Protein backbone atom coordinates (compact mmCIF):
# COMPACT_ATOMS: atom_id res chain seq x y z
CA MET A 1 1.56 -16.13 -22.00
CA LYS A 2 -1.89 -14.66 -20.95
CA SER A 3 -3.25 -10.79 -21.83
CA ALA A 4 -4.32 -9.43 -19.52
CA PRO A 5 -8.57 -8.70 -19.72
CA ASN A 6 -9.64 -6.01 -22.38
CA ILE A 7 -10.23 -3.54 -20.00
CA PRO A 8 -10.97 -0.31 -21.32
CA ALA A 9 -9.10 2.22 -19.96
CA ARG A 10 -10.75 5.11 -18.35
CA GLU A 11 -9.19 6.74 -15.69
CA MET A 12 -11.46 7.91 -12.66
CA GLU A 13 -13.48 11.54 -13.06
CA PHE A 14 -11.62 13.62 -12.22
CA SER A 15 -13.65 17.39 -11.11
CA LEU A 16 -12.63 20.55 -9.57
CA GLU A 17 -14.01 23.46 -7.76
CA THR A 18 -11.36 26.18 -8.40
CA ILE A 19 -8.72 26.76 -10.74
CA TYR A 20 -6.63 29.85 -9.99
CA ILE A 21 -4.01 30.99 -12.16
CA ASP A 22 -0.53 33.48 -11.98
CA GLU A 23 -0.74 36.03 -13.72
CA SER A 24 2.33 35.37 -15.78
CA VAL A 25 0.97 32.16 -16.48
CA ALA A 26 -2.05 33.88 -18.00
CA ASP A 27 -1.83 33.00 -22.12
CA HIS A 28 1.15 29.77 -21.45
CA PRO A 29 -0.28 26.56 -23.86
CA LEU A 30 -0.23 24.56 -21.19
CA THR A 31 -2.71 27.14 -18.85
CA LEU A 32 -5.21 27.05 -21.69
CA GLU A 33 -5.25 23.61 -22.50
CA ALA A 34 -6.12 22.93 -18.25
CA LEU A 35 -7.91 25.13 -18.84
CA ARG A 36 -10.37 23.77 -22.23
CA ARG A 37 -10.59 21.40 -19.54
CA PHE A 38 -12.32 23.16 -16.96
CA PRO A 39 -14.63 24.80 -18.87
CA ASN A 40 -17.13 25.36 -16.35
CA THR A 41 -14.85 25.40 -13.31
CA PRO A 42 -14.15 28.97 -11.66
CA VAL A 43 -11.34 30.59 -12.43
CA GLN A 44 -9.70 33.65 -9.52
CA HIS A 45 -6.80 34.83 -9.76
CA LEU A 46 -3.40 33.38 -7.86
CA ALA A 47 -2.16 36.35 -5.23
CA ALA A 48 -0.84 35.47 -2.18
CA TYR A 49 -0.77 31.59 -1.50
CA ASP A 50 -0.78 32.31 1.80
CA GLU A 51 -4.88 33.51 1.40
CA THR A 52 -5.28 30.73 -0.18
CA VAL A 53 -4.87 28.13 1.51
CA GLU A 54 -6.19 29.76 4.04
CA THR A 55 -9.45 30.28 2.18
CA ILE A 56 -9.60 27.01 1.72
CA ARG A 57 -9.71 26.02 5.32
CA LYS A 58 -11.98 27.79 6.70
CA THR A 59 -14.56 25.31 4.83
CA THR A 60 -13.69 22.27 4.78
CA GLY A 61 -11.55 20.29 7.85
CA ASP A 62 -10.18 18.05 5.51
CA VAL A 63 -7.40 20.80 4.25
CA PHE A 64 -5.11 18.15 2.20
CA GLY A 65 -8.42 16.56 0.63
CA ALA A 66 -10.02 19.98 -1.02
CA GLY A 67 -6.37 21.10 -1.96
CA LYS A 68 -7.15 17.70 -4.31
CA ARG A 69 -9.74 19.61 -6.04
CA THR A 70 -8.14 23.10 -6.73
CA LEU A 71 -5.20 23.85 -9.32
CA ALA A 72 -3.07 26.61 -8.87
CA LEU A 73 -1.49 26.67 -12.46
CA THR A 74 1.76 29.37 -11.47
CA ARG A 75 5.77 29.29 -12.42
CA PHE A 76 8.59 27.60 -10.52
CA LYS A 77 11.59 29.91 -10.12
CA GLY A 78 13.86 27.79 -8.27
CA SER A 79 16.43 24.23 -10.24
CA PHE A 80 13.83 21.56 -11.27
CA LEU A 81 16.41 18.76 -11.34
CA LYS A 82 17.14 17.28 -8.11
CA LYS A 83 19.11 14.22 -5.83
CA CYS A 84 15.99 11.62 -4.97
CA PRO A 85 15.54 12.97 -1.34
CA GLY A 86 16.16 9.24 -0.28
CA ILE A 87 19.73 9.67 0.62
CA SER A 88 19.79 9.71 4.26
CA PRO A 89 21.40 8.09 6.66
CA GLY A 90 21.69 4.92 7.62
CA MET A 91 20.23 4.23 4.05
CA VAL A 92 21.45 2.68 -0.06
CA CYS A 93 19.75 5.22 -2.53
CA CYS A 94 19.92 4.02 -6.14
CA ASN A 95 21.43 7.34 -9.08
CA TYR A 96 17.97 8.94 -8.94
CA TYR A 97 17.25 12.50 -9.79
CA VAL A 98 13.94 14.19 -9.24
CA VAL A 99 11.54 17.20 -11.57
CA ASN A 100 8.57 18.31 -9.72
CA LEU A 101 6.59 20.03 -12.11
CA LEU A 102 3.30 18.71 -10.06
CA LYS A 103 3.10 18.87 -6.35
CA ASN A 104 -0.06 16.67 -4.67
CA CYS A 105 -2.04 13.67 -6.79
CA MET A 106 -5.46 12.87 -7.67
CA TYR A 107 -5.00 10.20 -5.77
CA ASP A 108 -6.28 9.73 -1.84
CA CYS A 109 -3.97 6.86 -0.80
CA SER A 110 -4.13 6.11 3.01
CA TYR A 111 0.21 6.31 3.32
CA CYS A 112 1.14 8.77 1.98
CA PHE A 113 2.93 11.26 2.82
CA LEU A 114 2.44 13.50 1.10
CA GLN A 115 -0.86 14.30 3.92
CA ASP A 116 2.58 15.31 6.14
CA PHE A 117 4.78 16.73 4.18
CA LEU A 118 1.98 19.33 1.79
CA GLN A 119 -0.30 20.37 5.04
CA ASN A 120 0.66 23.98 4.78
CA ASN A 121 1.44 23.70 0.95
CA PRO A 122 -2.48 21.63 0.15
CA LEU A 123 -2.90 22.67 -3.22
CA LEU A 124 -2.71 20.35 -6.19
CA VAL A 125 0.38 22.83 -7.91
CA ALA A 126 0.83 22.75 -11.58
CA TYR A 127 4.06 24.31 -12.54
CA VAL A 128 3.37 25.14 -16.38
CA ASN A 129 6.49 26.96 -17.46
CA VAL A 130 8.11 22.88 -18.71
CA GLU A 131 11.16 25.34 -21.20
CA ASN A 132 12.94 26.33 -18.56
CA LEU A 133 12.86 22.52 -17.08
CA LEU A 134 14.17 20.93 -20.75
CA GLU A 135 16.35 24.11 -21.39
CA GLU A 136 18.33 23.29 -17.79
CA LEU A 137 18.42 19.87 -18.53
CA ASP A 138 19.88 20.54 -21.47
CA GLN A 139 21.83 22.12 -20.25
CA VAL A 140 23.11 19.37 -17.02
CA PHE A 141 23.41 16.52 -19.75
CA THR A 142 25.71 17.93 -21.80
CA ALA A 143 27.79 19.16 -18.97
CA HIS A 144 28.22 15.74 -17.69
CA PRO A 145 27.94 13.82 -20.89
CA ASN A 146 30.18 10.47 -19.23
CA ARG A 147 27.50 9.97 -16.82
CA ILE A 148 24.38 8.40 -17.49
CA PHE A 149 20.89 9.75 -15.25
CA ARG A 150 18.32 8.63 -14.44
CA VAL A 151 14.73 11.31 -14.12
CA GLY A 152 12.23 10.21 -11.94
CA THR A 153 8.52 12.63 -12.01
CA GLY A 154 6.55 11.71 -9.71
CA GLU A 155 8.82 12.20 -6.40
CA LEU A 156 5.72 14.63 -5.04
CA THR A 157 2.74 13.32 -7.92
CA ASP A 158 1.43 10.65 -9.76
CA SER A 159 3.77 11.04 -12.69
CA LEU A 160 0.75 10.65 -15.35
CA ALA A 161 -2.49 10.88 -14.01
CA LEU A 162 -3.30 14.38 -15.45
CA ASP A 163 -1.66 13.92 -18.36
CA THR A 164 -4.20 14.26 -20.01
CA VAL A 165 -5.09 17.52 -18.41
CA ILE A 166 -1.83 19.05 -18.66
CA PRO A 167 0.45 17.09 -21.17
CA TYR A 168 4.13 17.25 -20.14
CA SER A 169 4.52 13.92 -21.31
CA GLN A 170 4.41 15.30 -25.02
CA ARG A 171 7.02 17.93 -24.01
CA LEU A 172 9.10 14.94 -21.91
CA ILE A 173 9.02 12.31 -24.23
CA PRO A 174 10.28 13.78 -27.06
CA PHE A 175 13.19 15.08 -25.10
CA PHE A 176 14.68 12.19 -23.83
CA ASN A 177 14.69 10.43 -26.86
CA GLN A 178 17.10 12.78 -28.06
CA ARG A 179 19.61 11.62 -25.14
CA GLU A 180 22.10 9.96 -25.33
CA ASN A 181 23.09 9.92 -21.55
CA ALA A 182 19.68 10.24 -20.20
CA VAL A 183 16.49 8.27 -18.70
CA LEU A 184 13.00 9.61 -17.85
CA GLU A 185 11.15 8.22 -15.51
CA LEU A 186 7.12 8.11 -15.79
CA LYS A 187 5.82 6.34 -11.87
CA THR A 188 2.92 5.76 -11.63
CA LYS A 189 -1.47 4.29 -10.34
CA SER A 190 -3.05 5.58 -13.50
CA ILE A 191 -4.10 4.43 -16.51
CA CYS A 192 -3.52 7.71 -18.74
CA VAL A 193 -1.33 6.53 -21.37
CA GLU A 194 -2.79 7.88 -24.77
CA ASN A 195 -0.04 11.05 -25.34
CA LEU A 196 2.01 8.04 -24.97
CA LEU A 197 0.59 5.83 -27.45
CA ASN A 198 0.89 8.57 -29.35
CA GLN A 199 4.51 8.90 -29.46
CA ASP A 200 6.68 8.62 -32.04
CA SER A 201 9.73 7.04 -29.94
CA PRO A 202 9.66 5.17 -26.80
CA ARG A 203 13.60 5.92 -25.95
CA ASN A 204 15.41 5.97 -23.45
CA VAL A 205 12.08 6.70 -22.03
CA ILE A 206 10.61 3.72 -18.32
CA VAL A 207 6.92 3.88 -17.55
CA SER A 208 6.37 1.89 -14.33
CA TRP A 209 3.71 0.87 -12.55
CA SER A 210 3.32 1.44 -8.27
CA LEU A 211 1.93 -2.03 -8.11
CA ASN A 212 -0.30 -3.54 -4.70
CA PRO A 213 -2.93 -6.94 -4.50
CA GLN A 214 -6.32 -5.81 -4.71
CA THR A 215 -7.76 -5.72 -2.10
CA ILE A 216 -4.90 -2.53 -0.58
CA ILE A 217 -6.22 -1.14 -3.93
CA ASP A 218 -9.65 -1.13 -2.57
CA ARG A 219 -8.80 -0.14 1.01
CA GLU A 220 -5.73 2.04 1.00
CA GLU A 221 -5.43 3.28 -2.10
CA LYS A 222 -8.88 4.76 -2.60
CA GLY A 223 -9.73 6.28 -6.26
CA THR A 224 -7.36 4.63 -8.66
CA PRO A 225 -7.80 1.71 -11.30
CA GLY A 226 -7.09 -1.08 -10.27
CA LEU A 227 -4.82 -3.81 -11.12
CA GLN A 228 -6.02 -5.41 -13.84
CA GLN A 229 -6.70 -2.83 -15.60
CA ARG A 230 -3.11 -1.41 -14.52
CA LEU A 231 -1.69 -4.29 -15.52
CA GLU A 232 -3.21 -3.28 -19.40
CA ALA A 233 -2.42 -0.17 -19.00
CA ALA A 234 1.58 -1.33 -18.27
CA ARG A 235 0.82 -3.91 -21.37
CA GLN A 236 -0.58 -1.64 -24.03
CA CYS A 237 2.93 0.39 -23.59
CA ALA A 238 5.55 -2.69 -23.75
CA ASN A 239 3.96 -3.28 -26.86
CA LYS A 240 4.30 -0.19 -28.49
CA GLY A 241 8.47 -0.59 -26.99
CA TYR A 242 8.40 1.79 -24.14
CA LYS A 243 10.20 -0.42 -21.06
CA ILE A 244 8.62 -0.78 -17.74
CA GLY A 245 9.36 -0.69 -14.60
CA ILE A 246 7.47 -2.50 -11.51
CA HIS A 247 7.34 -1.08 -7.73
CA LEU A 248 5.87 -2.95 -4.79
CA ASP A 249 6.03 -0.35 -2.87
CA PRO A 250 4.69 0.35 0.15
CA ILE A 251 4.29 -3.57 0.75
CA ILE A 252 2.07 -4.15 3.92
CA ILE A 253 1.51 -6.06 6.28
CA PHE A 254 -1.65 -7.66 6.63
CA PRO A 255 -3.39 -11.11 7.41
CA GLY A 256 -3.22 -13.08 4.12
CA TRP A 257 -0.43 -11.33 3.02
CA GLU A 258 2.07 -13.14 1.80
CA LYS A 259 -0.67 -14.96 -0.01
CA ALA A 260 -1.88 -11.33 -1.96
CA TYR A 261 2.01 -10.75 -3.25
CA TYR A 262 3.01 -14.03 -4.45
CA GLU A 263 -0.46 -13.97 -6.77
CA LEU A 264 0.27 -10.16 -7.83
CA VAL A 265 3.48 -11.71 -8.95
CA ASP A 266 1.71 -13.82 -10.79
CA ASN A 267 -0.40 -11.89 -12.02
CA ILE A 268 2.39 -9.39 -14.01
CA PHE A 269 3.61 -12.24 -16.06
CA LYS A 270 0.36 -13.14 -17.12
CA VAL A 271 0.45 -9.84 -18.09
CA LEU A 272 4.05 -8.89 -19.12
CA SER A 273 7.00 -11.40 -20.61
CA PRO A 274 10.59 -10.51 -18.10
CA SER A 275 12.24 -9.46 -21.44
CA GLN A 276 9.70 -6.20 -20.71
CA ILE A 277 11.13 -5.56 -17.65
CA GLU A 278 13.68 -2.79 -16.88
CA TRP A 279 13.54 -3.37 -12.98
CA VAL A 280 11.59 -4.41 -9.66
CA SER A 281 11.87 -2.93 -7.17
CA LEU A 282 10.79 -3.67 -3.21
CA GLY A 283 10.11 -0.95 -0.02
CA SER A 284 8.14 -1.58 2.68
CA PHE A 285 5.69 0.20 4.66
CA ARG A 286 7.44 3.57 6.31
CA TYR A 287 6.44 7.01 7.53
CA ARG A 288 7.34 9.44 9.56
CA GLY A 289 5.77 10.09 12.90
CA PRO A 290 3.50 12.51 13.28
CA LEU A 291 2.17 11.28 9.85
CA LYS A 292 0.64 8.03 11.47
CA GLN A 293 -2.56 10.11 13.19
CA ILE A 294 -2.59 11.90 10.24
CA ILE A 295 -3.39 9.37 8.50
CA LYS A 296 -6.01 7.12 11.37
CA GLU A 297 -7.88 10.72 10.82
CA ARG A 298 -8.25 10.65 7.96
CA HIS A 299 -8.85 7.02 6.61
CA GLU A 300 -10.26 5.07 10.12
CA ASP A 301 -10.46 1.37 8.48
CA THR A 302 -7.00 1.77 6.88
CA LEU A 303 -4.92 -1.27 7.81
CA LEU A 304 -1.11 -0.11 7.78
CA PHE A 305 -1.44 -0.56 11.96
CA THR A 306 -1.51 -3.75 11.75
CA GLY A 307 1.78 -4.80 12.16
CA GLU A 308 4.50 -3.66 14.88
CA HIS A 309 6.52 -0.74 13.90
CA VAL A 310 10.37 0.58 14.81
CA ALA A 311 12.35 3.93 14.52
CA SER A 312 15.26 3.44 11.58
CA LYS A 313 18.40 5.30 11.02
CA ASP A 314 16.60 8.38 9.34
CA GLY A 315 14.02 8.94 11.11
CA LYS A 316 11.37 6.24 9.97
CA TYR A 317 8.96 4.14 11.41
CA ARG A 318 9.79 0.75 10.00
CA TYR A 319 8.58 -2.59 9.79
CA LEU A 320 11.10 -5.20 12.33
CA ARG A 321 14.13 -5.73 10.89
CA PRO A 322 14.03 -10.03 10.31
CA LEU A 323 10.00 -9.34 9.28
CA ARG A 324 11.42 -7.08 6.20
CA ASN A 325 13.58 -9.35 5.72
CA GLN A 326 11.61 -12.41 4.62
CA ILE A 327 9.28 -10.18 3.21
CA TYR A 328 12.66 -9.14 0.47
CA GLU A 329 13.05 -12.60 0.40
CA SER A 330 10.10 -14.12 0.11
CA LEU A 331 9.78 -11.56 -2.79
CA ARG A 332 13.02 -11.43 -4.46
CA ASP A 333 12.40 -15.21 -4.70
CA ALA A 334 8.98 -15.11 -6.44
CA LEU A 335 10.35 -12.92 -8.90
CA LYS A 336 13.45 -14.61 -9.42
CA LYS A 337 11.67 -17.40 -10.18
CA TYR A 338 10.19 -15.81 -13.52
CA SER A 339 13.46 -14.86 -14.60
CA ALA A 340 17.25 -14.96 -12.94
CA ASN A 341 17.77 -11.88 -14.55
CA LEU A 342 15.03 -9.55 -13.23
CA ASN A 343 16.69 -6.54 -11.71
CA VAL A 344 15.17 -6.34 -8.51
CA TYR A 345 16.10 -4.02 -5.64
CA MET A 346 14.99 -2.80 -2.50
CA CYS A 347 13.93 0.81 -2.23
CA MET A 348 15.01 3.36 1.37
CA GLU A 349 16.58 0.31 3.09
CA THR A 350 19.99 -0.36 5.31
CA ARG A 351 22.84 -1.59 4.59
CA GLU A 352 22.42 -4.84 6.88
CA ILE A 353 19.01 -5.91 4.53
CA TRP A 354 20.95 -6.00 1.38
CA GLU A 355 23.00 -7.95 3.07
CA GLY A 356 20.79 -10.35 4.47
CA VAL A 357 18.61 -10.51 2.04
CA THR A 358 21.27 -10.48 -0.85
CA GLY A 359 24.28 -11.42 0.53
CA LYS A 360 25.95 -8.85 -0.86
CA MET A 361 25.60 -4.54 -1.55
CA PRO A 362 23.50 -3.13 -5.46
CA ARG A 363 27.45 -2.28 -6.14
CA SER A 364 29.03 -5.74 -5.84
CA ASP A 365 26.31 -6.66 -8.45
CA GLU A 366 26.74 -6.12 -12.34
CA LYS A 367 23.76 -5.25 -13.74
CA LEU A 368 22.73 -3.43 -9.80
CA ASP A 369 25.40 -1.07 -10.17
CA LYS A 370 24.03 1.60 -12.78
CA PHE A 371 21.29 1.78 -10.65
CA PHE A 372 23.81 2.36 -7.15
CA ASP A 373 26.09 4.94 -8.77
CA LEU A 374 26.74 7.94 -6.29
């Protein structure tokens, strides 16, 4: 196994135009840490969220893009822990829970569903009351000692891209280290792993990277680190002892896609050994109808719509089923050539796809059963 090039672990420069602060968290340690990172950024009181958004609307034609440069620090008042929203009609979903400490993302990927989902709530919002989250998780995990909870923080944001600004990982990782029935997944495209490498223990923590061929990163994943940079960050975490997750999602069809994705698989195993990888998920490009026009308006050079898409049972548009079968079969075979023991599963796919690609449902696979214990 060869090492990746020694690529400097430098994240893209992140700038803020304004920071809004809820008075109730003005003195919170995470608020103060964020302010320390941006000493020259104007700070305003977060009064009415709607008024703040309306002010942004009056000054820009790209409200979603502008929202990424406006940070609101506030308190989350509801229940943090939720079942993965992937549970939808006709789809097979894994046993996954989500926690949303951040909303919106510093990156600007063309396919991101947040462009539609956050149209009316475009600010980059950070909920700093992490102590309430840990109290809630402790109660839930303690009440169900015989269940295994797989918890991710990357549903509405990138789990690590802002970890030097708002270092959630410094609180989350030690908490999960001490749990016997819970695993934390930090899903990212970033190379912001400094806080992870400084932790005492990697126990019960999986660091996952969303990967695509470099040509897709250049065209569709604006502002993100390159493929080799991500793999180098993954190698550093693996050497620290963290288990690594790989998400080939979304897989995008474009001229030459097969060769590009085969090369991507080869690049992964030039840097990581199969024993260091906890799982690999495969998911094809999918979207709700309203997102298509938003993507075309915000990303004129996109390759996302070079293929045909049809509506699925859950209302999302996907590639035709025979093409999805081909995608998953070919990439699954390419991955399994490196190790037959790799845990490879498909994200948000139908029973028909599962049976067509693998010949069985995940509950029939002893290795995958623990991920799909609904």
